[in-house]
Amino acid sequence: MKAIRSRTRKLLFQELYAMKFNKFDQKQFYESFYSWQFTFKIDKKYIKEIKEIIQKKEDIFTKIIQKYASKFDVNKMSPTYVLPIYISLAEIFFLKEEIPIKVSINEAVEIAKKYADDPGKKIVNAILNKIMENYDKLKKEIL
């Protein structure tokens, strides 16, 4: 069965979201919540790499969001807004596998459409488009 990245991203979002609010046990998460529902192969290598990037670079990602969403306090933003942006930033700047920026942004917006409210998907889209416009400058700053 082929791994489907967009579904894996949604699973990753759900996992990151669960980690924000609870003591997290990854094995229990997969066994109790999903083991009987998977109809696709999970890209575990991708999930592991993105989670590691987000854990190491969260401060940088928060500063980037604050820079391009200065009207908002990132610390008070809903995780349903922030986590899709984190996933996209991890893919755009640090993932070993090259994913086109537009694909990463579109996938983040799709996650926001599914899990956030209407303003959330617009905020995610606006922030990531500003980041895309300033990609070269940002890449020099953070790498």
N, C-alpha and C. Protein backbone atom coordinates (compact mmCIF):
# COMPACT_ATOMS: atom_id res chain seq x y z
N MET A 1 0.84 -1.17 0.00
CA MET A 1 0.00 0.00 0.00
C MET A 1 0.89 1.24 0.00
N LYS A 2 0.63 2.18 -0.86
CA LYS A 2 1.43 3.38 -1.00
C LYS A 2 1.09 4.39 0.10
N ALA A 3 2.13 5.03 0.65
CA ALA A 3 1.91 6.09 1.64
C ALA A 3 1.32 7.30 0.94
N ILE A 4 0.30 7.84 1.52
CA ILE A 4 -0.34 9.03 0.96
C ILE A 4 0.00 10.20 1.87
N ARG A 5 0.83 11.11 1.36
CA ARG A 5 1.38 12.19 2.16
C ARG A 5 0.31 13.11 2.74
N SER A 6 -0.71 13.47 1.99
CA SER A 6 -1.72 14.39 2.52
C SER A 6 -2.44 13.78 3.72
N ARG A 7 -2.72 12.48 3.68
CA ARG A 7 -3.35 11.82 4.83
C ARG A 7 -2.36 11.73 5.99
N THR A 8 -1.11 11.48 5.67
CA THR A 8 -0.09 11.41 6.71
C THR A 8 0.05 12.77 7.39
N ARG A 9 -0.03 13.86 6.63
CA ARG A 9 0.04 15.20 7.22
C ARG A 9 -1.12 15.42 8.20
N LYS A 10 -2.31 14.97 7.82
CA LYS A 10 -3.47 15.12 8.72
C LYS A 10 -3.27 14.32 9.99
N LEU A 11 -2.72 13.13 9.87
CA LEU A 11 -2.41 12.33 11.04
C LEU A 11 -1.37 13.04 11.89
N LEU A 12 -0.34 13.58 11.26
CA LEU A 12 0.69 14.32 11.97
C LEU A 12 0.08 15.49 12.72
N PHE A 13 -0.81 16.24 12.06
CA PHE A 13 -1.49 17.36 12.72
C PHE A 13 -2.22 16.87 13.97
N GLN A 14 -2.97 15.78 13.84
CA GLN A 14 -3.72 15.26 14.98
C GLN A 14 -2.79 14.84 16.12
N GLU A 15 -1.68 14.25 15.76
CA GLU A 15 -0.70 13.83 16.76
C GLU A 15 -0.10 15.05 17.47
N LEU A 16 0.31 16.06 16.72
CA LEU A 16 0.86 17.28 17.31
C LEU A 16 -0.17 17.98 18.19
N TYR A 17 -1.41 17.99 17.74
CA TYR A 17 -2.49 18.60 18.50
C TYR A 17 -2.67 17.86 19.83
N ALA A 18 -2.68 16.55 19.79
CA ALA A 18 -2.83 15.74 21.01
C ALA A 18 -1.66 15.99 21.96
N MET A 19 -0.47 16.17 21.41
CA MET A 19 0.71 16.42 22.24
C MET A 19 0.62 17.74 22.99
N LYS A 20 -0.10 18.71 22.43
CA LYS A 20 -0.24 20.03 23.06
C LYS A 20 -1.02 19.97 24.36
N PHE A 21 -1.94 19.03 24.47
CA PHE A 21 -2.89 19.06 25.56
C PHE A 21 -2.80 17.90 26.54
N ASN A 22 -2.12 16.84 26.21
CA ASN A 22 -2.12 15.65 27.05
C ASN A 22 -0.73 15.09 27.19
N LYS A 23 -0.57 14.26 28.25
CA LYS A 23 0.64 13.45 28.30
C LYS A 23 0.51 12.51 27.11
N PHE A 24 1.52 12.44 26.29
CA PHE A 24 1.38 11.76 25.01
C PHE A 24 2.15 10.45 24.98
N ASP A 25 1.48 9.43 24.56
CA ASP A 25 2.08 8.11 24.35
C ASP A 25 1.79 7.73 22.90
N GLN A 26 2.80 7.83 22.05
CA GLN A 26 2.60 7.61 20.63
C GLN A 26 2.04 6.23 20.32
N LYS A 27 2.56 5.21 20.98
CA LYS A 27 2.08 3.85 20.73
C LYS A 27 0.59 3.74 21.06
N GLN A 28 0.22 4.26 22.20
CA GLN A 28 -1.19 4.22 22.61
C GLN A 28 -2.05 5.04 21.64
N PHE A 29 -1.54 6.17 21.19
CA PHE A 29 -2.26 7.01 20.23
C PHE A 29 -2.61 6.20 18.99
N TYR A 30 -1.62 5.53 18.42
CA TYR A 30 -1.86 4.76 17.20
C TYR A 30 -2.75 3.54 17.46
N GLU A 31 -2.48 2.85 18.54
CA GLU A 31 -3.25 1.63 18.81
C GLU A 31 -4.70 1.92 19.18
N SER A 32 -4.93 2.86 20.07
CA SER A 32 -6.28 3.05 20.58
C SER A 32 -7.15 3.91 19.67
N PHE A 33 -6.54 4.79 18.93
CA PHE A 33 -7.35 5.73 18.17
C PHE A 33 -7.43 5.39 16.70
N TYR A 34 -6.35 4.80 16.16
CA TYR A 34 -6.29 4.65 14.71
C TYR A 34 -6.08 3.25 14.17
N SER A 35 -5.57 2.35 14.94
CA SER A 35 -5.08 1.09 14.37
C SER A 35 -6.11 0.39 13.49
N TRP A 36 -7.36 0.48 13.81
CA TRP A 36 -8.38 -0.20 13.02
C TRP A 36 -8.89 0.65 11.86
N GLN A 37 -8.51 1.92 11.78
CA GLN A 37 -9.06 2.82 10.78
C GLN A 37 -8.15 3.07 9.57
N PHE A 38 -6.88 2.78 9.68
CA PHE A 38 -5.98 3.13 8.59
C PHE A 38 -6.29 2.37 7.32
N THR A 39 -6.53 3.11 6.28
CA THR A 39 -6.73 2.51 4.96
C THR A 39 -5.60 2.95 4.03
N PHE A 40 -4.55 3.50 4.61
CA PHE A 40 -3.40 3.94 3.85
C PHE A 40 -2.15 3.66 4.68
N LYS A 41 -1.04 3.59 4.02
CA LYS A 41 0.22 3.36 4.71
C LYS A 41 0.70 4.70 5.27
N ILE A 42 1.07 4.69 6.53
CA ILE A 42 1.56 5.90 7.19
C ILE A 42 3.04 6.07 6.85
N ASP A 43 3.42 7.28 6.49
CA ASP A 43 4.82 7.59 6.22
C ASP A 43 5.49 7.93 7.56
N LYS A 44 5.89 6.90 8.28
CA LYS A 44 6.43 7.09 9.63
C LYS A 44 7.74 7.88 9.63
N LYS A 45 8.55 7.69 8.60
CA LYS A 45 9.81 8.42 8.50
C LYS A 45 9.54 9.93 8.39
N TYR A 46 8.55 10.29 7.58
CA TYR A 46 8.17 11.69 7.42
C TYR A 46 7.67 12.26 8.75
N ILE A 47 6.77 11.54 9.42
CA ILE A 47 6.22 12.02 10.69
C ILE A 47 7.34 12.23 11.70
N LYS A 48 8.23 11.27 11.81
CA LYS A 48 9.35 11.37 12.77
C LYS A 48 10.22 12.58 12.46
N GLU A 49 10.55 12.77 11.20
CA GLU A 49 11.42 13.89 10.82
C GLU A 49 10.74 15.23 11.07
N ILE A 50 9.48 15.36 10.69
CA ILE A 50 8.78 16.64 10.89
C ILE A 50 8.63 16.94 12.38
N LYS A 51 8.28 15.95 13.18
CA LYS A 51 8.14 16.17 14.63
C LYS A 51 9.47 16.63 15.24
N GLU A 52 10.56 16.01 14.84
CA GLU A 52 11.88 16.40 15.35
C GLU A 52 12.22 17.83 14.94
N ILE A 53 11.92 18.18 13.71
CA ILE A 53 12.19 19.54 13.24
C ILE A 53 11.37 20.54 14.05
N ILE A 54 10.09 20.27 14.22
CA ILE A 54 9.23 21.20 14.96
C ILE A 54 9.71 21.34 16.40
N GLN A 55 10.08 20.25 17.03
CA GLN A 55 10.56 20.34 18.41
C GLN A 55 11.83 21.16 18.51
N LYS A 56 12.73 21.02 17.54
CA LYS A 56 13.99 21.76 17.58
C LYS A 56 13.84 23.22 17.14
N LYS A 57 12.91 23.48 16.24
CA LYS A 57 12.82 24.80 15.61
C LYS A 57 11.57 25.60 16.01
N GLU A 58 10.85 25.14 17.01
CA GLU A 58 9.58 25.79 17.36
C GLU A 58 9.77 27.28 17.67
N ASP A 59 10.84 27.64 18.37
CA ASP A 59 11.08 29.06 18.68
C ASP A 59 11.25 29.88 17.41
N ILE A 60 11.99 29.34 16.46
CA ILE A 60 12.19 30.04 15.18
C ILE A 60 10.85 30.17 14.44
N PHE A 61 10.07 29.10 14.41
CA PHE A 61 8.78 29.12 13.73
C PHE A 61 7.84 30.14 14.38
N THR A 62 7.86 30.21 15.70
CA THR A 62 7.02 31.18 16.42
C THR A 62 7.41 32.60 16.04
N LYS A 63 8.70 32.87 15.96
CA LYS A 63 9.17 34.21 15.58
C LYS A 63 8.77 34.55 14.15
N ILE A 64 8.85 33.58 13.26
CA ILE A 64 8.44 33.82 11.86
C ILE A 64 6.95 34.14 11.80
N ILE A 65 6.14 33.37 12.49
CA ILE A 65 4.70 33.63 12.49
C ILE A 65 4.43 35.01 13.05
N GLN A 66 5.09 35.36 14.16
CA GLN A 66 4.87 36.67 14.77
C GLN A 66 5.27 37.79 13.81
N LYS A 67 6.34 37.57 13.06
CA LYS A 67 6.80 38.57 12.11
C LYS A 67 5.77 38.81 10.99
N TYR A 68 5.16 37.74 10.50
CA TYR A 68 4.24 37.86 9.38
C TYR A 68 2.76 37.88 9.79
N ALA A 69 2.52 37.85 11.09
CA ALA A 69 1.15 37.99 11.61
C ALA A 69 1.21 38.88 12.84
N SER A 70 1.78 40.05 12.66
CA SER A 70 2.05 40.94 13.79
C SER A 70 0.79 41.40 14.52
N LYS A 71 -0.37 41.26 13.90
CA LYS A 71 -1.62 41.65 14.56
C LYS A 71 -2.03 40.63 15.62
N PHE A 72 -1.42 39.47 15.61
CA PHE A 72 -1.81 38.37 16.49
C PHE A 72 -0.71 38.05 17.49
N ASP A 73 -1.10 37.56 18.63
CA ASP A 73 -0.17 37.02 19.61
C ASP A 73 -0.11 35.51 19.35
N VAL A 74 1.01 35.06 18.86
CA VAL A 74 1.16 33.66 18.48
C VAL A 74 0.83 32.73 19.64
N ASN A 75 1.22 33.14 20.84
CA ASN A 75 0.98 32.30 22.02
C ASN A 75 -0.51 32.16 22.35
N LYS A 76 -1.33 33.04 21.81
CA LYS A 76 -2.77 32.97 22.05
C LYS A 76 -3.53 32.44 20.84
N MET A 77 -2.83 32.20 19.75
CA MET A 77 -3.48 31.65 18.55
C MET A 77 -3.85 30.19 18.79
N SER A 78 -4.91 29.78 18.18
CA SER A 78 -5.34 28.38 18.28
C SER A 78 -4.30 27.45 17.66
N PRO A 79 -4.07 26.30 18.29
CA PRO A 79 -3.17 25.32 17.67
C PRO A 79 -3.65 24.89 16.28
N THR A 80 -4.95 25.01 16.02
CA THR A 80 -5.45 24.65 14.69
C THR A 80 -4.98 25.63 13.63
N TYR A 81 -4.51 26.80 14.05
CA TYR A 81 -3.91 27.77 13.12
C TYR A 81 -2.40 27.54 13.05
N VAL A 82 -1.78 27.37 14.21
CA VAL A 82 -0.33 27.34 14.32
C VAL A 82 0.29 26.04 13.79
N LEU A 83 -0.30 24.91 14.14
CA LEU A 83 0.31 23.63 13.76
C LEU A 83 0.42 23.41 12.25
N PRO A 84 -0.60 23.77 11.46
CA PRO A 84 -0.40 23.61 10.00
C PRO A 84 0.76 24.48 9.48
N ILE A 85 0.93 25.65 10.09
CA ILE A 85 2.04 26.53 9.68
C ILE A 85 3.36 25.90 10.09
N TYR A 86 3.45 25.34 11.29
CA TYR A 86 4.67 24.66 11.72
C TYR A 86 5.02 23.53 10.76
N ILE A 87 4.04 22.73 10.41
CA ILE A 87 4.29 21.60 9.50
C ILE A 87 4.83 22.12 8.17
N SER A 88 4.20 23.16 7.65
CA SER A 88 4.64 23.73 6.38
C SER A 88 6.05 24.32 6.48
N LEU A 89 6.32 25.06 7.54
CA LEU A 89 7.66 25.64 7.71
C LEU A 89 8.72 24.54 7.82
N ALA A 90 8.40 23.48 8.53
CA ALA A 90 9.34 22.36 8.65
C ALA A 90 9.63 21.77 7.27
N GLU A 91 8.57 21.60 6.47
CA GLU A 91 8.75 21.05 5.12
C GLU A 91 9.54 22.01 4.23
N ILE A 92 9.19 23.27 4.28
CA ILE A 92 9.79 24.26 3.38
C ILE A 92 11.28 24.47 3.67
N PHE A 93 11.64 24.57 4.93
CA PHE A 93 13.00 24.97 5.27
C PHE A 93 13.93 23.85 5.74
N PHE A 94 13.40 22.76 6.28
CA PHE A 94 14.28 21.81 6.94
C PHE A 94 14.12 20.35 6.52
N LEU A 95 13.04 19.96 5.91
CA LEU A 95 12.83 18.57 5.53
C LEU A 95 13.87 18.17 4.49
N LYS A 96 14.46 16.99 4.67
CA LYS A 96 15.48 16.51 3.73
C LYS A 96 14.89 16.32 2.33
N GLU A 97 13.70 15.78 2.29
CA GLU A 97 13.01 15.59 1.01
C GLU A 97 12.53 16.96 0.51
N GLU A 98 12.72 17.22 -0.75
CA GLU A 98 12.28 18.51 -1.29
C GLU A 98 10.80 18.45 -1.70
N ILE A 99 10.02 19.33 -1.10
CA ILE A 99 8.60 19.45 -1.42
C ILE A 99 8.41 20.87 -1.94
N PRO A 100 7.77 21.05 -3.09
CA PRO A 100 7.55 22.40 -3.61
C PRO A 100 6.80 23.26 -2.58
N ILE A 101 7.21 24.51 -2.46
CA ILE A 101 6.62 25.42 -1.47
C ILE A 101 5.10 25.50 -1.65
N LYS A 102 4.65 25.63 -2.86
CA LYS A 102 3.21 25.76 -3.10
C LYS A 102 2.44 24.51 -2.63
N VAL A 103 3.03 23.35 -2.81
CA VAL A 103 2.39 22.11 -2.36
C VAL A 103 2.28 22.12 -0.83
N SER A 104 3.36 22.49 -0.18
CA SER A 104 3.37 22.53 1.28
C SER A 104 2.34 23.53 1.81
N ILE A 105 2.26 24.68 1.18
CA ILE A 105 1.28 25.69 1.60
C ILE A 105 -0.14 25.19 1.36
N ASN A 106 -0.39 24.64 0.20
CA ASN A 106 -1.73 24.13 -0.10
C ASN A 106 -2.15 23.05 0.89
N GLU A 107 -1.23 22.17 1.24
CA GLU A 107 -1.54 21.11 2.21
C GLU A 107 -1.83 21.69 3.59
N ALA A 108 -1.08 22.72 3.99
CA ALA A 108 -1.33 23.36 5.29
C ALA A 108 -2.71 24.02 5.31
N VAL A 109 -3.06 24.65 4.22
CA VAL A 109 -4.38 25.29 4.13
C VAL A 109 -5.48 24.22 4.17
N GLU A 110 -5.25 23.09 3.52
CA GLU A 110 -6.23 21.99 3.56
C GLU A 110 -6.42 21.47 4.99
N ILE A 111 -5.34 21.38 5.73
CA ILE A 111 -5.45 20.96 7.13
C ILE A 111 -6.25 22.00 7.92
N ALA A 112 -5.94 23.27 7.68
CA ALA A 112 -6.68 24.34 8.38
C ALA A 112 -8.16 24.32 8.00
N LYS A 113 -8.46 24.05 6.73
CA LYS A 113 -9.87 23.96 6.31
C LYS A 113 -10.59 22.85 7.07
N LYS A 114 -9.89 21.76 7.30
CA LYS A 114 -10.51 20.61 7.96
C LYS A 114 -10.64 20.80 9.47
N TYR A 115 -9.66 21.42 10.10
CA TYR A 115 -9.63 21.45 11.56
C TYR A 115 -9.83 22.83 12.19
N ALA A 116 -9.63 23.89 11.45
CA ALA A 116 -9.79 25.24 12.00
C ALA A 116 -11.11 25.84 11.53
N ASP A 117 -11.40 27.01 12.03
CA ASP A 117 -12.59 27.72 11.58
C ASP A 117 -12.26 28.51 10.31
N ASP A 118 -13.25 29.19 9.76
CA ASP A 118 -13.05 29.91 8.49
C ASP A 118 -11.95 30.97 8.59
N PRO A 119 -11.93 31.80 9.65
CA PRO A 119 -10.81 32.75 9.74
C PRO A 119 -9.46 32.04 9.82
N GLY A 120 -9.43 30.86 10.43
CA GLY A 120 -8.17 30.13 10.57
C GLY A 120 -7.53 29.77 9.25
N LYS A 121 -8.34 29.26 8.33
CA LYS A 121 -7.76 28.88 7.03
C LYS A 121 -7.26 30.11 6.28
N LYS A 122 -7.94 31.24 6.46
CA LYS A 122 -7.50 32.48 5.81
C LYS A 122 -6.20 32.99 6.43
N ILE A 123 -6.10 32.87 7.74
CA ILE A 123 -4.89 33.31 8.43
C ILE A 123 -3.71 32.43 8.04
N VAL A 124 -3.90 31.13 8.03
CA VAL A 124 -2.84 30.20 7.63
C VAL A 124 -2.38 30.51 6.20
N ASN A 125 -3.33 30.68 5.31
CA ASN A 125 -3.01 30.99 3.92
C ASN A 125 -2.25 32.31 3.80
N ALA A 126 -2.72 33.33 4.49
CA ALA A 126 -2.08 34.66 4.39
C ALA A 126 -0.65 34.62 4.93
N ILE A 127 -0.46 34.00 6.09
CA ILE A 127 0.88 33.94 6.68
C ILE A 127 1.83 33.16 5.78
N LEU A 128 1.40 32.00 5.30
CA LEU A 128 2.29 31.19 4.46
C LEU A 128 2.58 31.85 3.12
N ASN A 129 1.63 32.56 2.58
CA ASN A 129 1.91 33.29 1.33
C ASN A 129 2.92 34.41 1.55
N LYS A 130 2.85 35.09 2.69
CA LYS A 130 3.86 36.11 3.00
C LYS A 130 5.23 35.47 3.17
N ILE A 131 5.25 34.31 3.79
CA ILE A 131 6.51 33.59 3.96
C ILE A 131 7.07 33.18 2.60
N MET A 132 6.20 32.71 1.70
CA MET A 132 6.65 32.33 0.36
C MET A 132 7.23 33.54 -0.38
N GLU A 133 6.59 34.69 -0.24
CA GLU A 133 7.08 35.91 -0.90
C GLU A 133 8.47 36.31 -0.39
N ASN A 134 8.76 35.97 0.86
CA ASN A 134 10.03 36.35 1.48
C ASN A 134 10.95 35.15 1.71
N TYR A 135 10.73 34.11 0.94
CA TYR A 135 11.44 32.84 1.14
C TYR A 135 12.96 33.01 1.13
N ASP A 136 13.50 33.64 0.13
CA ASP A 136 14.96 33.76 0.02
C ASP A 136 15.56 34.49 1.21
N LYS A 137 14.94 35.56 1.62
CA LYS A 137 15.39 36.35 2.76
C LYS A 137 15.31 35.51 4.04
N LEU A 138 14.19 34.86 4.24
CA LEU A 138 14.01 34.02 5.42
C LEU A 138 15.00 32.87 5.47
N LYS A 139 15.22 32.25 4.34
CA LYS A 139 16.14 31.11 4.28
C LYS A 139 17.53 31.53 4.74
N LYS A 140 17.98 32.70 4.33
CA LYS A 140 19.28 33.20 4.77
C LYS A 140 19.31 33.49 6.26
N GLU A 141 18.18 33.99 6.79
CA GLU A 141 18.10 34.33 8.21
C GLU A 141 18.11 33.10 9.11
N ILE A 142 17.42 32.04 8.71
CA ILE A 142 17.25 30.92 9.64
C ILE A 142 18.20 29.75 9.41
N LEU A 143 18.84 29.70 8.28
CA LEU A 143 19.77 28.58 8.03
C LEU A 143 21.20 28.93 8.31
